[in-house]
C-alpha cells in the first residue's frame, strides 16, 4: 500500500521557502579583450533573427519556383 501521509519535513508550521532557482553564470563581454585568446563574434541576436526570418520567408517561394522550373524542363525535354 502507498503511504500518503505527509512527509516529516512538511508537518511543521514553518513558513515554506521556495527552492532556489538555478541561475546562469554572469556573462562578462570584456573577458575576451584581456588577451586570453578568446574573442567573441559580436553580432546582435536581433539582427540574426531578422536575417533568418527573411531567408525563411523567401525559401518557400524559391523552392516552389525551382520545382516548377525543373518539372517544366523535364516535361519539355
PDB file of N, CA and C in Angstrom:
ATOM      1  N   UNK A   1       0.837  -1.174   0.000  1.00  0.00           N
ATOM      2  CA  UNK A   1       0.000   0.000   0.000  1.00  0.00           C
ATOM      3  C   UNK A   1       0.889   1.246   0.000  1.00  0.00           C
ATOM      4  N   UNK A   2       0.414   2.291  -0.621  1.00  0.00           N
ATOM      5  CA  UNK A   2       1.195   3.524  -0.737  1.00  0.00           C
ATOM      6  C   UNK A   2       0.930   4.395   0.475  1.00  0.00           C
ATOM      7  N   UNK A   3       1.995   4.924   1.045  1.00  0.00           N
ATOM      8  CA  UNK A   3       1.882   5.804   2.196  1.00  0.00           C
ATOM      9  C   UNK A   3       1.594   7.218   1.704  1.00  0.00           C
ATOM     10  N   UNK A   4       0.401   7.744   2.001  1.00  0.00           N
ATOM     11  CA  UNK A   4       0.016   9.082   1.558  1.00  0.00           C
ATOM     12  C   UNK A   4       0.090  10.109   2.674  1.00  0.00           C
ATOM     13  N   UNK A   5       0.643   9.729   3.820  1.00  0.00           N
ATOM     14  CA  UNK A   5       0.754  10.682   4.919  1.00  0.00           C
ATOM     15  C   UNK A   5       1.812  11.731   4.578  1.00  0.00           C
ATOM     16  N   UNK A   6       1.683  12.931   5.143  1.00  0.00           N
ATOM     17  CA  UNK A   6       2.666  13.975   4.828  1.00  0.00           C
ATOM     18  C   UNK A   6       4.059  13.593   5.319  1.00  0.00           C
ATOM     19  N   UNK A   7       5.033  14.033   4.604  1.00  0.00           N
ATOM     20  CA  UNK A   7       6.415  13.750   4.961  1.00  0.00           C
ATOM     21  C   UNK A   7       6.795  14.531   6.219  1.00  0.00           C
ATOM     22  N   UNK A   8       7.797  14.092   6.970  1.00  0.00           N
ATOM     23  CA  UNK A   8       8.176  14.767   8.225  1.00  0.00           C
ATOM     24  C   UNK A   8       8.555  16.235   8.007  1.00  0.00           C
ATOM     25  N   UNK A   9       9.173  16.563   6.904  1.00  0.00           N
ATOM     26  CA  UNK A   9       9.564  17.953   6.693  1.00  0.00           C
ATOM     27  C   UNK A   9       8.348  18.839   6.404  1.00  0.00           C
ATOM     28  N   UNK A  10       7.203  18.240   6.032  1.00  0.00           N
ATOM     29  CA  UNK A  10       6.003  19.010   5.730  1.00  0.00           C
ATOM     30  C   UNK A  10       5.128  19.265   6.961  1.00  0.00           C
ATOM     31  N   UNK A  11       5.375  18.595   8.077  1.00  0.00           N
ATOM     32  CA  UNK A  11       4.491  18.655   9.233  1.00  0.00           C
ATOM     33  C   UNK A  11       4.630  19.936  10.036  1.00  0.00           C
ATOM     34  N   UNK A  12       5.730  20.621   9.973  1.00  0.00           N
ATOM     35  CA  UNK A  12       5.947  21.804  10.802  1.00  0.00           C
ATOM     36  C   UNK A  12       5.120  22.983  10.320  1.00  0.00           C
ATOM     37  N   UNK A  13       4.910  23.962  11.214  1.00  0.00           N
ATOM     38  CA  UNK A  13       4.169  25.165  10.865  1.00  0.00           C
ATOM     39  C   UNK A  13       5.103  26.249  10.345  1.00  0.00           C
ATOM     40  N   UNK A  14       6.286  25.868   9.948  1.00  0.00           N
ATOM     41  CA  UNK A  14       7.288  26.827   9.487  1.00  0.00           C
ATOM     42  C   UNK A  14       6.890  27.324   8.094  1.00  0.00           C
ATOM     43  N   UNK A  15       7.127  28.600   7.870  1.00  0.00           N
ATOM     44  CA  UNK A  15       6.822  29.172   6.553  1.00  0.00           C
ATOM     45  C   UNK A  15       7.661  28.468   5.491  1.00  0.00           C
ATOM     46  N   UNK A  16       7.027  28.180   4.381  1.00  0.00           N
ATOM     47  CA  UNK A  16       7.713  27.464   3.301  1.00  0.00           C
ATOM     48  C   UNK A  16       8.596  28.436   2.519  1.00  0.00           C
ATOM     49  N   UNK A  17       9.802  28.039   2.302  1.00  0.00           N
ATOM     50  CA  UNK A  17      10.732  28.816   1.491  1.00  0.00           C
ATOM     51  C   UNK A  17      10.874  28.083   0.169  1.00  0.00           C
ATOM     52  N   UNK A  18      10.568  28.767  -0.943  1.00  0.00           N
ATOM     53  CA  UNK A  18      10.693  28.068  -2.226  1.00  0.00           C
ATOM     54  C   UNK A  18      12.149  27.713  -2.498  1.00  0.00           C
ATOM     55  N   UNK A  19      12.369  26.610  -3.185  1.00  0.00           N
ATOM     56  CA  UNK A  19      13.755  26.240  -3.503  1.00  0.00           C
ATOM     57  C   UNK A  19      14.389  27.297  -4.406  1.00  0.00           C
ATOM     58  N   UNK A  20      15.666  27.474  -4.214  1.00  0.00           N
ATOM     59  CA  UNK A  20      16.345  28.487  -5.005  1.00  0.00           C
ATOM     60  C   UNK A  20      16.378  28.068  -6.472  1.00  0.00           C
ATOM     61  N   UNK A  21      16.245  29.042  -7.336  1.00  0.00           N
ATOM     62  CA  UNK A  21      16.234  28.804  -8.768  1.00  0.00           C
ATOM     63  C   UNK A  21      17.675  28.833  -9.268  1.00  0.00           C
ATOM     64  N   UNK A  22      18.001  27.894 -10.124  1.00  0.00           N
ATOM     65  CA  UNK A  22      19.349  27.871 -10.680  1.00  0.00           C
ATOM     66  C   UNK A  22      19.556  29.108 -11.531  1.00  0.00           C
ATOM     67  N   UNK A  23      20.657  29.766 -11.344  1.00  0.00           N
ATOM     68  CA  UNK A  23      20.950  30.976 -12.097  1.00  0.00           C
ATOM     69  C   UNK A  23      22.172  30.744 -12.968  1.00  0.00           C
ATOM     70  N   UNK A  24      22.148  31.263 -14.196  1.00  0.00           N
ATOM     71  CA  UNK A  24      23.304  31.079 -15.071  1.00  0.00           C
ATOM     72  C   UNK A  24      24.484  31.913 -14.596  1.00  0.00           C
ATOM     73  N   UNK A  25      25.648  31.520 -15.026  1.00  0.00           N
ATOM     74  CA  UNK A  25      26.836  32.280 -14.695  1.00  0.00           C
ATOM     75  C   UNK A  25      26.762  33.641 -15.359  1.00  0.00           C
ATOM     76  N   UNK A  26      27.267  34.688 -14.701  1.00  0.00           N
ATOM     77  CA  UNK A  26      27.244  36.013 -15.330  1.00  0.00           C
ATOM     78  C   UNK A  26      28.151  36.051 -16.561  1.00  0.00           C
ATOM     79  N   UNK A  27      27.728  36.815 -17.540  1.00  0.00           N
ATOM     80  CA  UNK A  27      28.490  36.942 -18.775  1.00  0.00           C
ATOM     81  C   UNK A  27      29.303  38.222 -18.698  1.00  0.00           C
ATOM     82  N   UNK A  28      30.576  38.114 -18.961  1.00  0.00           N
ATOM     83  CA  UNK A  28      31.466  39.261 -18.946  1.00  0.00           C
ATOM     84  C   UNK A  28      32.047  39.452 -20.342  1.00  0.00           C
ATOM     85  N   UNK A  29      31.457  40.356 -21.159  1.00  0.00           N
ATOM     86  CA  UNK A  29      31.946  40.515 -22.530  1.00  0.00           C
ATOM     87  C   UNK A  29      33.373  41.043 -22.607  1.00  0.00           C
ATOM     88  N   UNK A  30      33.828  41.760 -21.591  1.00  0.00           N
ATOM     89  CA  UNK A  30      35.191  42.298 -21.646  1.00  0.00           C
ATOM     90  C   UNK A  30      36.239  41.239 -21.363  1.00  0.00           C
ATOM     91  N   UNK A  31      35.830  40.058 -20.967  1.00  0.00           N
ATOM     92  CA  UNK A  31      36.773  38.995 -20.641  1.00  0.00           C
ATOM     93  C   UNK A  31      37.567  38.557 -21.871  1.00  0.00           C
ATOM     94  N   UNK A  32      36.961  38.600 -23.064  1.00  0.00           N
ATOM     95  CA  UNK A  32      37.655  38.206 -24.276  1.00  0.00           C
ATOM     96  C   UNK A  32      38.686  39.219 -24.733  1.00  0.00           C
ATOM     97  N   UNK A  33      38.618  40.457 -24.250  1.00  0.00           N
ATOM     98  CA  UNK A  33      39.531  41.510 -24.670  1.00  0.00           C
ATOM     99  C   UNK A  33      40.804  41.571 -23.832  1.00  0.00           C
ATOM    100  N   UNK A  34      40.880  40.775 -22.796  1.00  0.00           N
ATOM    101  CA  UNK A  34      42.033  40.856 -21.897  1.00  0.00           C
ATOM    102  C   UNK A  34      43.237  40.063 -22.372  1.00  0.00           C
ATOM    103  N   UNK A  35      43.111  39.441 -23.522  1.00  0.00           N
ATOM    104  CA  UNK A  35      44.267  38.750 -24.071  1.00  0.00           C
ATOM    105  C   UNK A  35      44.319  37.272 -23.778  1.00  0.00           C
ATOM    106  N   UNK A  36      43.212  36.669 -23.386  1.00  0.00           N
ATOM    107  CA  UNK A  36      43.247  35.230 -23.124  1.00  0.00           C
ATOM    108  C   UNK A  36      42.986  34.422 -24.384  1.00  0.00           C
ATOM    109  N   UNK A  37      42.897  35.102 -25.541  1.00  0.00           N
ATOM    110  CA  UNK A  37      42.772  34.397 -26.803  1.00  0.00           C
ATOM    111  C   UNK A  37      41.351  34.102 -27.224  1.00  0.00           C
ATOM    112  N   UNK A  38      40.396  34.320 -26.377  1.00  0.00           N
ATOM    113  CA  UNK A  38      39.003  34.041 -26.725  1.00  0.00           C
ATOM    114  C   UNK A  38      38.338  35.335 -27.179  1.00  0.00           C
ATOM    115  N   UNK A  39      37.953  35.367 -28.437  1.00  0.00           N
ATOM    116  CA  UNK A  39      37.289  36.542 -28.975  1.00  0.00           C
ATOM    117  C   UNK A  39      35.901  36.113 -29.429  1.00  0.00           C
ATOM    118  N   UNK A  40      34.904  36.845 -29.000  1.00  0.00           N
ATOM    119  CA  UNK A  40      33.539  36.521 -29.389  1.00  0.00           C
ATOM    120  C   UNK A  40      33.184  37.262 -30.662  1.00  0.00           C
ATOM    121  N   UNK A  41      32.318  36.649 -31.424  1.00  0.00           N
ATOM    122  CA  UNK A  41      31.806  37.280 -32.621  1.00  0.00           C
ATOM    123  C   UNK A  41      30.698  38.215 -32.179  1.00  0.00           C
ATOM    124  N   UNK A  42      30.930  39.499 -32.276  1.00  0.00           N
ATOM    125  CA  UNK A  42      29.987  40.493 -31.783  1.00  0.00           C
ATOM    126  C   UNK A  42      28.911  40.731 -32.835  1.00  0.00           C
ATOM    127  N   UNK A  43      27.816  39.980 -32.762  1.00  0.00           N
ATOM    128  CA  UNK A  43      26.704  40.101 -33.693  1.00  0.00           C
ATOM    129  C   UNK A  43      25.424  40.010 -32.891  1.00  0.00           C
ATOM    130  N   UNK A  44      24.604  41.057 -32.908  1.00  0.00           N
ATOM    131  CA  UNK A  44      23.378  41.048 -32.093  1.00  0.00           C
ATOM    132  C   UNK A  44      22.426  39.935 -32.519  1.00  0.00           C
ATOM    133  N   UNK A  45      21.781  39.340 -31.545  1.00  0.00           N
ATOM    134  CA  UNK A  45      20.853  38.249 -31.807  1.00  0.00           C
ATOM    135  C   UNK A  45      19.622  38.729 -32.565  1.00  0.00           C
ATOM    136  N   UNK A  46      19.231  39.984 -32.328  1.00  0.00           N
ATOM    137  CA  UNK A  46      18.057  40.510 -33.025  1.00  0.00           C
ATOM    138  C   UNK A  46      18.301  40.575 -34.530  1.00  0.00           C
ATOM    139  N   UNK A  47      19.485  41.022 -34.925  1.00  0.00           N
ATOM    140  CA  UNK A  47      19.801  41.095 -36.353  1.00  0.00           C
ATOM    141  C   UNK A  47      19.878  39.702 -36.970  1.00  0.00           C
ATOM    142  N   UNK A  48      20.396  38.751 -36.240  1.00  0.00           N
ATOM    143  CA  UNK A  48      20.455  37.378 -36.735  1.00  0.00           C
ATOM    144  C   UNK A  48      19.051  36.807 -36.905  1.00  0.00           C
ATOM    145  N   UNK A  49      18.171  37.105 -35.967  1.00  0.00           N
ATOM    146  CA  UNK A  49      16.801  36.613 -36.065  1.00  0.00           C
ATOM    147  C   UNK A  49      16.082  37.227 -37.266  1.00  0.00           C
ATOM    148  N   UNK A  50      16.291  38.510 -37.516  1.00  0.00           N
ATOM    149  CA  UNK A  50      15.673  39.173 -38.666  1.00  0.00           C
ATOM    150  C   UNK A  50      16.205  38.569 -39.963  1.00  0.00           C
ATOM    151  N   UNK A  51      17.500  38.287 -40.019  1.00  0.00           N
ATOM    152  CA  UNK A  51      18.085  37.685 -41.218  1.00  0.00           C
ATOM    153  C   UNK A  51      17.506  36.294 -41.472  1.00  0.00           C
ATOM    154  N   UNK A  52      17.352  35.507 -40.423  1.00  0.00           N
ATOM    155  CA  UNK A  52      16.796  34.164 -40.565  1.00  0.00           C
ATOM    156  C   UNK A  52      15.337  34.241 -41.008  1.00  0.00           C
ATOM    157  N   UNK A  53      14.588  35.211 -40.484  1.00  0.00           N
ATOM    158  CA  UNK A  53      13.193  35.370 -40.892  1.00  0.00           C
ATOM    159  C   UNK A  53      13.093  35.736 -42.368  1.00  0.00           C
ATOM    160  N   UNK A  54      13.972  36.615 -42.837  1.00  0.00           N
ATOM    161  CA  UNK A  54      13.949  36.990 -44.253  1.00  0.00           C
ATOM    162  C   UNK A  54      14.298  35.817 -45.152  1.00  0.00           C
ATOM    163  N   UNK A  55      15.294  35.060 -44.757  1.00  0.00           N
ATOM    164  CA  UNK A  55      15.693  33.895 -45.562  1.00  0.00           C
ATOM    165  C   UNK A  55      14.560  32.871 -45.590  1.00  0.00           C
ATOM    166  N   UNK A  56      13.964  32.594 -44.438  1.00  0.00           N
ATOM    167  CA  UNK A  56      12.908  31.591 -44.403  1.00  0.00           C
ATOM    168  C   UNK A  56      11.648  32.072 -45.110  1.00  0.00           C
ATOM    169  N   UNK A  57      11.427  33.384 -45.149  1.00  0.00           N
ATOM    170  CA  UNK A  57      10.264  33.913 -45.848  1.00  0.00           C
ATOM    171  C   UNK A  57      10.367  33.678 -47.348  1.00  0.00           C
ATOM    172  N   UNK A  58      11.563  33.750 -47.892  1.00  0.00           N
ATOM    173  CA  UNK A  58      11.766  33.583 -49.330  1.00  0.00           C
ATOM    174  C   UNK A  58      12.113  32.155 -49.725  1.00  0.00           C
ATOM    175  N   UNK A  59      12.404  31.299 -48.771  1.00  0.00           N
ATOM    176  CA  UNK A  59      12.808  29.927 -49.095  1.00  0.00           C
ATOM    177  C   UNK A  59      11.676  29.136 -49.733  1.00  0.00           C
ATOM    178  N   UNK A  60      10.449  29.306 -49.266  1.00  0.00           N
ATOM    179  CA  UNK A  60       9.309  28.576 -49.823  1.00  0.00           C
ATOM    180  C   UNK A  60       9.029  28.936 -51.275  1.00  0.00           C
ATOM    181  N   UNK A  61       8.874  30.232 -51.586  1.00  0.00           N
ATOM    182  CA  UNK A  61       8.640  30.600 -52.988  1.00  0.00           C
ATOM    183  C   UNK A  61       9.787  30.220 -53.918  1.00  0.00           C
ATOM    184  N   UNK A  62      11.012  30.318 -53.454  1.00  0.00           N
ATOM    185  CA  UNK A  62      12.150  29.929 -54.294  1.00  0.00           C
ATOM    186  C   UNK A  62      12.127  28.425 -54.553  1.00  0.00           C
ATOM    187  N   UNK A  63      11.818  27.640 -53.530  1.00  0.00           N
ATOM    188  CA  UNK A  63      11.749  26.188 -53.714  1.00  0.00           C
ATOM    189  C   UNK A  63      10.612  25.813 -54.667  1.00  0.00           C
ATOM    190  N   UNK A  64       9.466  26.499 -54.558  1.00  0.00           N
ATOM    191  CA  UNK A  64       8.356  26.238 -55.462  1.00  0.00           C
ATOM    192  C   UNK A  64       8.722  26.593 -56.900  1.00  0.00           C
ATOM    193  N   UNK A  65       9.329  27.747 -57.099  1.00  0.00           N
ATOM    194  CA  UNK A  65       9.736  28.169 -58.432  1.00  0.00           C
ATOM    195  C   UNK A  65      10.763  27.207 -59.022  1.00  0.00           C
ATOM    196  N   UNK A  66      11.719  26.786 -58.209  1.00  0.00           N
ATOM    197  CA  UNK A  66      12.723  25.838 -58.674  1.00  0.00           C
ATOM    198  C   UNK A  66      12.077  24.497 -59.050  1.00  0.00           C
ATOM    199  N   UNK A  67      11.127  24.034 -58.252  1.00  0.00           N
ATOM    200  CA  UNK A  67      10.447  22.768 -58.551  1.00  0.00           C
ATOM    201  C   UNK A  67       9.643  22.883 -59.843  1.00  0.00           C
ATOM    202  N   UNK A  68       8.957  24.005 -60.038  1.00  0.00           N
ATOM    203  CA  UNK A  68       8.195  24.192 -61.272  1.00  0.00           C
ATOM    204  C   UNK A  68       9.106  24.281 -62.492  1.00  0.00           C
ATOM    205  N   UNK A  69      10.234  24.954 -62.353  1.00  0.00           N
ATOM    206  CA  UNK A  69      11.196  25.036 -63.456  1.00  0.00           C
ATOM    207  C   UNK A  69      11.751  23.655 -63.797  1.00  0.00           C
ATOM    208  N   UNK A  70      12.099  22.885 -62.790  1.00  0.00           N
ATOM    209  CA  UNK A  70      12.606  21.538 -63.044  1.00  0.00           C
ATOM    210  C   UNK A  70      11.540  20.643 -63.662  1.00  0.00           C
ATOM    211  N   UNK A  71      10.302  20.778 -63.216  1.00  0.00           N
ATOM    212  CA  UNK A  71       9.210  20.000 -63.783  1.00  0.00           C
ATOM    213  C   UNK A  71       8.977  20.387 -65.245  1.00  0.00           C
ATOM    214  N   UNK A  72       8.987  21.690 -65.520  1.00  0.00           N
ATOM    215  CA  UNK A  72       8.825  22.154 -66.901  1.00  0.00           C
ATOM    216  C   UNK A  72       9.974  21.681 -67.788  1.00  0.00           C
ATOM    217  N   UNK A  73      11.194  21.730 -67.276  1.00  0.00           N
ATOM    218  CA  UNK A  73      12.363  21.283 -68.041  1.00  0.00           C
ATOM    219  C   UNK A  73      12.260  19.781 -68.337  1.00  0.00           C
ATOM    220  N   UNK A  74      11.768  19.025 -67.325  1.00  0.00           N
ATOM    221  CA  UNK A  74      11.644  17.569 -67.505  1.00  0.00           C
ATOM    222  C   UNK A  74      10.556  17.244 -68.526  1.00  0.00           C
ATOM    223  N   UNK A  75       9.451  17.996 -68.520  1.00  0.00           N
ATOM    224  CA  UNK A  75       8.356  17.742 -69.470  1.00  0.00           C
ATOM    225  C   UNK A  75       8.776  18.126 -70.896  1.00  0.00           C
ATOM    226  N   UNK A  76       9.417  19.268 -71.063  1.00  0.00           N
ATOM    227  CA  UNK A  76       9.827  19.736 -72.381  1.00  0.00           C
ATOM    228  C   UNK A  76      10.938  18.879 -72.949  1.00  0.00           C
ATOM    229  N   UNK A  77      11.826  18.436 -72.148  1.00  0.00           N
ATOM    230  CA  UNK A  77      12.961  17.630 -72.600  1.00  0.00           C
ATOM    231  C   UNK A  77      12.483  16.306 -73.057  1.00  0.00           C
TER     232      UNK A  77
END
